[in-house]
């Protein structure tokens, strides 16, 4: 198996073990390795435009980074155009890795994408900033940033 196939097999097994309603789940490190090894894989950042602008963005090739908001800022209303925007950005056969701030919205997005024919939808565990620490701060416990993966600050 190729490196990409190994990573996807691990993610799919994690999905089966946890009865996930989408193809599987990857750690941030696995997601980054997969993005590096397969230029056809796309990361779908479902955070709001404001979060990406104020908190930071993943540091990957622009052609692999899709920004499709799950909710809208301000107010947090669901993005009624989520599926149509996803359809404009990615083919249903593309391997999609969904990322949000703390790995909640990304799970919902991966589930909805799967229900709508995106069979290769994966959640990135921990999110961009990860869980909050005892003081309520992010980027200290886990997540893309804590793992030391490339990102561009606001």
C-alpha atoms as a PDB file:
ATOM      1  CA  UNK A   1       0.000   0.000   0.000  1.00  0.00           C
ATOM      2  CA  UNK A   2       1.029   3.583  -0.552  1.00  0.00           C
ATOM      3  CA  UNK A   3       1.444   6.018   2.297  1.00  0.00           C
ATOM      4  CA  UNK A   4      -1.890   7.625   1.346  1.00  0.00           C
ATOM      5  CA  UNK A   5      -3.647   4.263   1.305  1.00  0.00           C
ATOM      6  CA  UNK A   6      -2.216   3.379   4.724  1.00  0.00           C
ATOM      7  CA  UNK A   7      -3.392   6.667   6.234  1.00  0.00           C
ATOM      8  CA  UNK A   8      -6.867   6.289   4.737  1.00  0.00           C
ATOM      9  CA  UNK A   9      -7.102   2.668   5.924  1.00  0.00           C
ATOM     10  CA  UNK A  10      -6.296   3.789   9.481  1.00  0.00           C
ATOM     11  CA  UNK A  11      -8.871   6.590   9.264  1.00  0.00           C
ATOM     12  CA  UNK A  12     -11.513   4.235   7.873  1.00  0.00           C
ATOM     13  CA  UNK A  13     -10.858   1.687  10.607  1.00  0.00           C
ATOM     14  CA  UNK A  14     -11.233   4.443  13.202  1.00  0.00           C
ATOM     15  CA  UNK A  15     -14.547   5.292  11.557  1.00  0.00           C
ATOM     16  CA  UNK A  16     -15.746   1.683  11.761  1.00  0.00           C
ATOM     17  CA  UNK A  17     -14.545   1.264  15.348  1.00  0.00           C
ATOM     18  CA  UNK A  18     -16.483   4.368  16.392  1.00  0.00           C
ATOM     19  CA  UNK A  19     -19.526   3.807  14.130  1.00  0.00           C
ATOM     20  CA  UNK A  20     -19.005   7.194  12.472  1.00  0.00           C
ATOM     21  CA  UNK A  21     -21.587   8.277   9.868  1.00  0.00           C
ATOM     22  CA  UNK A  22     -18.848   9.219   7.375  1.00  0.00           C
ATOM     23  CA  UNK A  23     -15.774   7.551   5.872  1.00  0.00           C
ATOM     24  CA  UNK A  24     -13.526   7.986   8.893  1.00  0.00           C
ATOM     25  CA  UNK A  25     -11.465  10.300  11.064  1.00  0.00           C
ATOM     26  CA  UNK A  26      -7.852  11.439  10.991  1.00  0.00           C
ATOM     27  CA  UNK A  27      -5.569  13.048  13.520  1.00  0.00           C
ATOM     28  CA  UNK A  28      -4.218  16.423  12.409  1.00  0.00           C
ATOM     29  CA  UNK A  29      -0.837  14.776  11.761  1.00  0.00           C
ATOM     30  CA  UNK A  30      -2.416  12.087   9.573  1.00  0.00           C
ATOM     31  CA  UNK A  31      -4.412  14.715   7.688  1.00  0.00           C
ATOM     32  CA  UNK A  32      -1.307  16.768   6.986  1.00  0.00           C
ATOM     33  CA  UNK A  33       0.659  13.697   5.860  1.00  0.00           C
ATOM     34  CA  UNK A  34      -2.190  12.717   3.550  1.00  0.00           C
ATOM     35  CA  UNK A  35      -2.372  16.215   2.073  1.00  0.00           C
ATOM     36  CA  UNK A  36       1.390  16.133   1.491  1.00  0.00           C
ATOM     37  CA  UNK A  37       1.335  12.712  -0.158  1.00  0.00           C
ATOM     38  CA  UNK A  38      -1.741  13.165  -2.373  1.00  0.00           C
ATOM     39  CA  UNK A  39      -2.309  16.495  -4.160  1.00  0.00           C
ATOM     40  CA  UNK A  40      -5.872  15.442  -5.051  1.00  0.00           C
ATOM     41  CA  UNK A  41      -6.999  15.422  -1.408  1.00  0.00           C
ATOM     42  CA  UNK A  42      -8.793  18.600  -0.299  1.00  0.00           C
ATOM     43  CA  UNK A  43      -9.073  20.106   3.171  1.00  0.00           C
ATOM     44  CA  UNK A  44     -12.471  21.744   3.687  1.00  0.00           C
ATOM     45  CA  UNK A  45     -12.157  24.422   6.366  1.00  0.00           C
ATOM     46  CA  UNK A  46     -15.716  24.882   7.650  1.00  0.00           C
ATOM     47  CA  UNK A  47     -14.897  27.679  10.101  1.00  0.00           C
ATOM     48  CA  UNK A  48     -16.345  31.118   9.467  1.00  0.00           C
ATOM     49  CA  UNK A  49     -14.493  33.614   7.325  1.00  0.00           C
ATOM     50  CA  UNK A  50     -13.996  35.658  10.504  1.00  0.00           C
ATOM     51  CA  UNK A  51     -12.303  32.730  12.271  1.00  0.00           C
ATOM     52  CA  UNK A  52      -9.926  32.193   9.392  1.00  0.00           C
ATOM     53  CA  UNK A  53      -9.183  35.924   9.215  1.00  0.00           C
ATOM     54  CA  UNK A  54      -8.758  36.473  12.965  1.00  0.00           C
ATOM     55  CA  UNK A  55      -7.373  33.151  14.202  1.00  0.00           C
ATOM     56  CA  UNK A  56      -5.398  31.783  11.270  1.00  0.00           C
ATOM     57  CA  UNK A  57      -5.417  29.391   8.343  1.00  0.00           C
ATOM     58  CA  UNK A  58      -3.826  26.055   7.620  1.00  0.00           C
ATOM     59  CA  UNK A  59      -0.516  26.347   5.795  1.00  0.00           C
ATOM     60  CA  UNK A  60      -1.100  24.034   2.853  1.00  0.00           C
ATOM     61  CA  UNK A  61      -1.164  24.471  -0.915  1.00  0.00           C
ATOM     62  CA  UNK A  62      -3.975  26.896  -1.843  1.00  0.00           C
ATOM     63  CA  UNK A  63      -5.401  24.448  -4.382  1.00  0.00           C
ATOM     64  CA  UNK A  64      -5.907  21.913  -1.578  1.00  0.00           C
ATOM     65  CA  UNK A  65      -7.593  24.366   0.816  1.00  0.00           C
ATOM     66  CA  UNK A  66     -11.327  24.916   0.414  1.00  0.00           C
ATOM     67  CA  UNK A  67     -13.166  27.425   2.584  1.00  0.00           C
ATOM     68  CA  UNK A  68     -16.844  26.542   2.954  1.00  0.00           C
ATOM     69  CA  UNK A  69     -18.487  28.000   6.063  1.00  0.00           C
ATOM     70  CA  UNK A  70     -20.711  25.665   8.078  1.00  0.00           C
ATOM     71  CA  UNK A  71     -22.209  28.582   9.992  1.00  0.00           C
ATOM     72  CA  UNK A  72     -22.218  32.291   9.264  1.00  0.00           C
ATOM     73  CA  UNK A  73     -20.688  35.139  11.249  1.00  0.00           C
ATOM     74  CA  UNK A  74     -22.094  37.006  13.076  1.00  0.00           C
ATOM     75  CA  UNK A  75     -24.858  35.049  14.735  1.00  0.00           C
ATOM     76  CA  UNK A  76     -23.848  31.486  13.925  1.00  0.00           C
ATOM     77  CA  UNK A  77     -26.782  30.762  11.637  1.00  0.00           C
ATOM     78  CA  UNK A  78     -26.391  27.665   9.466  1.00  0.00           C
ATOM     79  CA  UNK A  79     -24.985  28.405   6.015  1.00  0.00           C
ATOM     80  CA  UNK A  80     -27.939  27.654   3.695  1.00  0.00           C
ATOM     81  CA  UNK A  81     -25.512  27.456   0.754  1.00  0.00           C
ATOM     82  CA  UNK A  82     -23.149  24.929   2.338  1.00  0.00           C
ATOM     83  CA  UNK A  83     -23.906  22.053  -0.048  1.00  0.00           C
ATOM     84  CA  UNK A  84     -24.023  24.208  -3.176  1.00  0.00           C
ATOM     85  CA  UNK A  85     -20.718  25.863  -2.235  1.00  0.00           C
ATOM     86  CA  UNK A  86     -19.185  22.454  -1.554  1.00  0.00           C
ATOM     87  CA  UNK A  87     -20.428  21.247  -4.950  1.00  0.00           C
ATOM     88  CA  UNK A  88     -18.759  24.226  -6.649  1.00  0.00           C
ATOM     89  CA  UNK A  89     -15.485  23.509  -4.847  1.00  0.00           C
ATOM     90  CA  UNK A  90     -15.188  19.721  -5.001  1.00  0.00           C
ATOM     91  CA  UNK A  91     -16.215  16.694  -6.995  1.00  0.00           C
ATOM     92  CA  UNK A  92     -18.152  13.968  -5.162  1.00  0.00           C
ATOM     93  CA  UNK A  93     -15.294  11.514  -5.815  1.00  0.00           C
ATOM     94  CA  UNK A  94     -12.705  13.744  -4.117  1.00  0.00           C
ATOM     95  CA  UNK A  95     -11.301  12.770  -0.732  1.00  0.00           C
ATOM     96  CA  UNK A  96     -12.410  15.583   1.581  1.00  0.00           C
ATOM     97  CA  UNK A  97     -10.962  16.302   5.028  1.00  0.00           C
ATOM     98  CA  UNK A  98     -13.240  18.528   7.107  1.00  0.00           C
ATOM     99  CA  UNK A  99     -11.688  20.880   9.685  1.00  0.00           C
ATOM    100  CA  UNK A 100     -13.179  23.351  12.153  1.00  0.00           C
ATOM    101  CA  UNK A 101     -11.981  25.056  15.323  1.00  0.00           C
ATOM    102  CA  UNK A 102     -12.501  22.244  17.836  1.00  0.00           C
ATOM    103  CA  UNK A 103     -13.823  19.259  15.807  1.00  0.00           C
ATOM    104  CA  UNK A 104     -17.562  19.692  16.292  1.00  0.00           C
ATOM    105  CA  UNK A 105     -18.778  21.445  13.139  1.00  0.00           C
ATOM    106  CA  UNK A 106     -16.425  19.348  11.011  1.00  0.00           C
ATOM    107  CA  UNK A 107     -18.166  16.147  12.160  1.00  0.00           C
ATOM    108  CA  UNK A 108     -21.545  17.579  11.173  1.00  0.00           C
ATOM    109  CA  UNK A 109     -20.177  18.737   7.822  1.00  0.00           C
ATOM    110  CA  UNK A 110     -18.621  15.329   7.070  1.00  0.00           C
ATOM    111  CA  UNK A 111     -21.918  13.634   7.930  1.00  0.00           C
ATOM    112  CA  UNK A 112     -23.984  15.953   5.729  1.00  0.00           C
ATOM    113  CA  UNK A 113     -21.502  15.632   2.869  1.00  0.00           C
ATOM    114  CA  UNK A 114     -21.654  11.833   3.130  1.00  0.00           C
ATOM    115  CA  UNK A 115     -25.465  11.900   3.135  1.00  0.00           C
ATOM    116  CA  UNK A 116     -25.287  13.927  -0.075  1.00  0.00           C
ATOM    117  CA  UNK A 117     -23.011  11.633  -2.047  1.00  0.00           C
ATOM    118  CA  UNK A 118     -19.500  12.656  -0.943  1.00  0.00           C
ATOM    119  CA  UNK A 119     -18.487   9.109   0.004  1.00  0.00           C
ATOM    120  CA  UNK A 120     -14.874  10.018   0.834  1.00  0.00           C
ATOM    121  CA  UNK A 121     -15.614  12.489   3.638  1.00  0.00           C
ATOM    122  CA  UNK A 122     -13.364  12.432   6.703  1.00  0.00           C
ATOM    123  CA  UNK A 123     -13.299  14.440   9.920  1.00  0.00           C
ATOM    124  CA  UNK A 124     -10.051  15.900  11.232  1.00  0.00           C
ATOM    125  CA  UNK A 125     -10.061  15.144  14.948  1.00  0.00           C
ATOM    126  CA  UNK A 126      -9.196  17.877  17.464  1.00  0.00           C
ATOM    127  CA  UNK A 127      -9.768  20.741  14.991  1.00  0.00           C
ATOM    128  CA  UNK A 128      -7.549  23.690  14.154  1.00  0.00           C
ATOM    129  CA  UNK A 129      -7.167  25.014  17.707  1.00  0.00           C
ATOM    130  CA  UNK A 130      -8.166  21.957  19.731  1.00  0.00           C
ATOM    131  CA  UNK A 131      -9.883  21.712  23.065  1.00  0.00           C
ATOM    132  CA  UNK A 132      -9.796  24.425  25.708  1.00  0.00           C
ATOM    133  CA  UNK A 133      -7.329  24.113  28.576  1.00  0.00           C
ATOM    134  CA  UNK A 134      -8.202  24.681  32.253  1.00  0.00           C
ATOM    135  CA  UNK A 135      -8.004  28.452  31.666  1.00  0.00           C
ATOM    136  CA  UNK A 136     -10.330  28.321  28.660  1.00  0.00           C
ATOM    137  CA  UNK A 137      -7.551  28.872  26.118  1.00  0.00           C
ATOM    138  CA  UNK A 138      -7.139  26.909  22.912  1.00  0.00           C
ATOM    139  CA  UNK A 139      -3.969  25.810  21.043  1.00  0.00           C
ATOM    140  CA  UNK A 140      -2.520  24.343  24.259  1.00  0.00           C
ATOM    141  CA  UNK A 141      -4.159  20.905  24.551  1.00  0.00           C
ATOM    142  CA  UNK A 142      -4.378  19.435  21.058  1.00  0.00           C
ATOM    143  CA  UNK A 143      -5.329  20.328  17.480  1.00  0.00           C
ATOM    144  CA  UNK A 144      -3.600  21.318  14.241  1.00  0.00           C
ATOM    145  CA  UNK A 145      -1.722  24.263  15.794  1.00  0.00           C
ATOM    146  CA  UNK A 146      -0.622  22.394  18.943  1.00  0.00           C
ATOM    147  CA  UNK A 147       0.711  19.572  16.732  1.00  0.00           C
ATOM    148  CA  UNK A 148       3.132  22.060  15.180  1.00  0.00           C
ATOM    149  CA  UNK A 149       1.622  21.720  11.721  1.00  0.00           C
ATOM    150  CA  UNK A 150       1.948  24.658   9.320  1.00  0.00           C
ATOM    151  CA  UNK A 151      -0.466  27.511   9.764  1.00  0.00           C
ATOM    152  CA  UNK A 152      -0.532  31.194   8.979  1.00  0.00           C
ATOM    153  CA  UNK A 153      -1.517  33.542  11.775  1.00  0.00           C
ATOM    154  CA  UNK A 154      -3.980  36.326  11.459  1.00  0.00           C
END
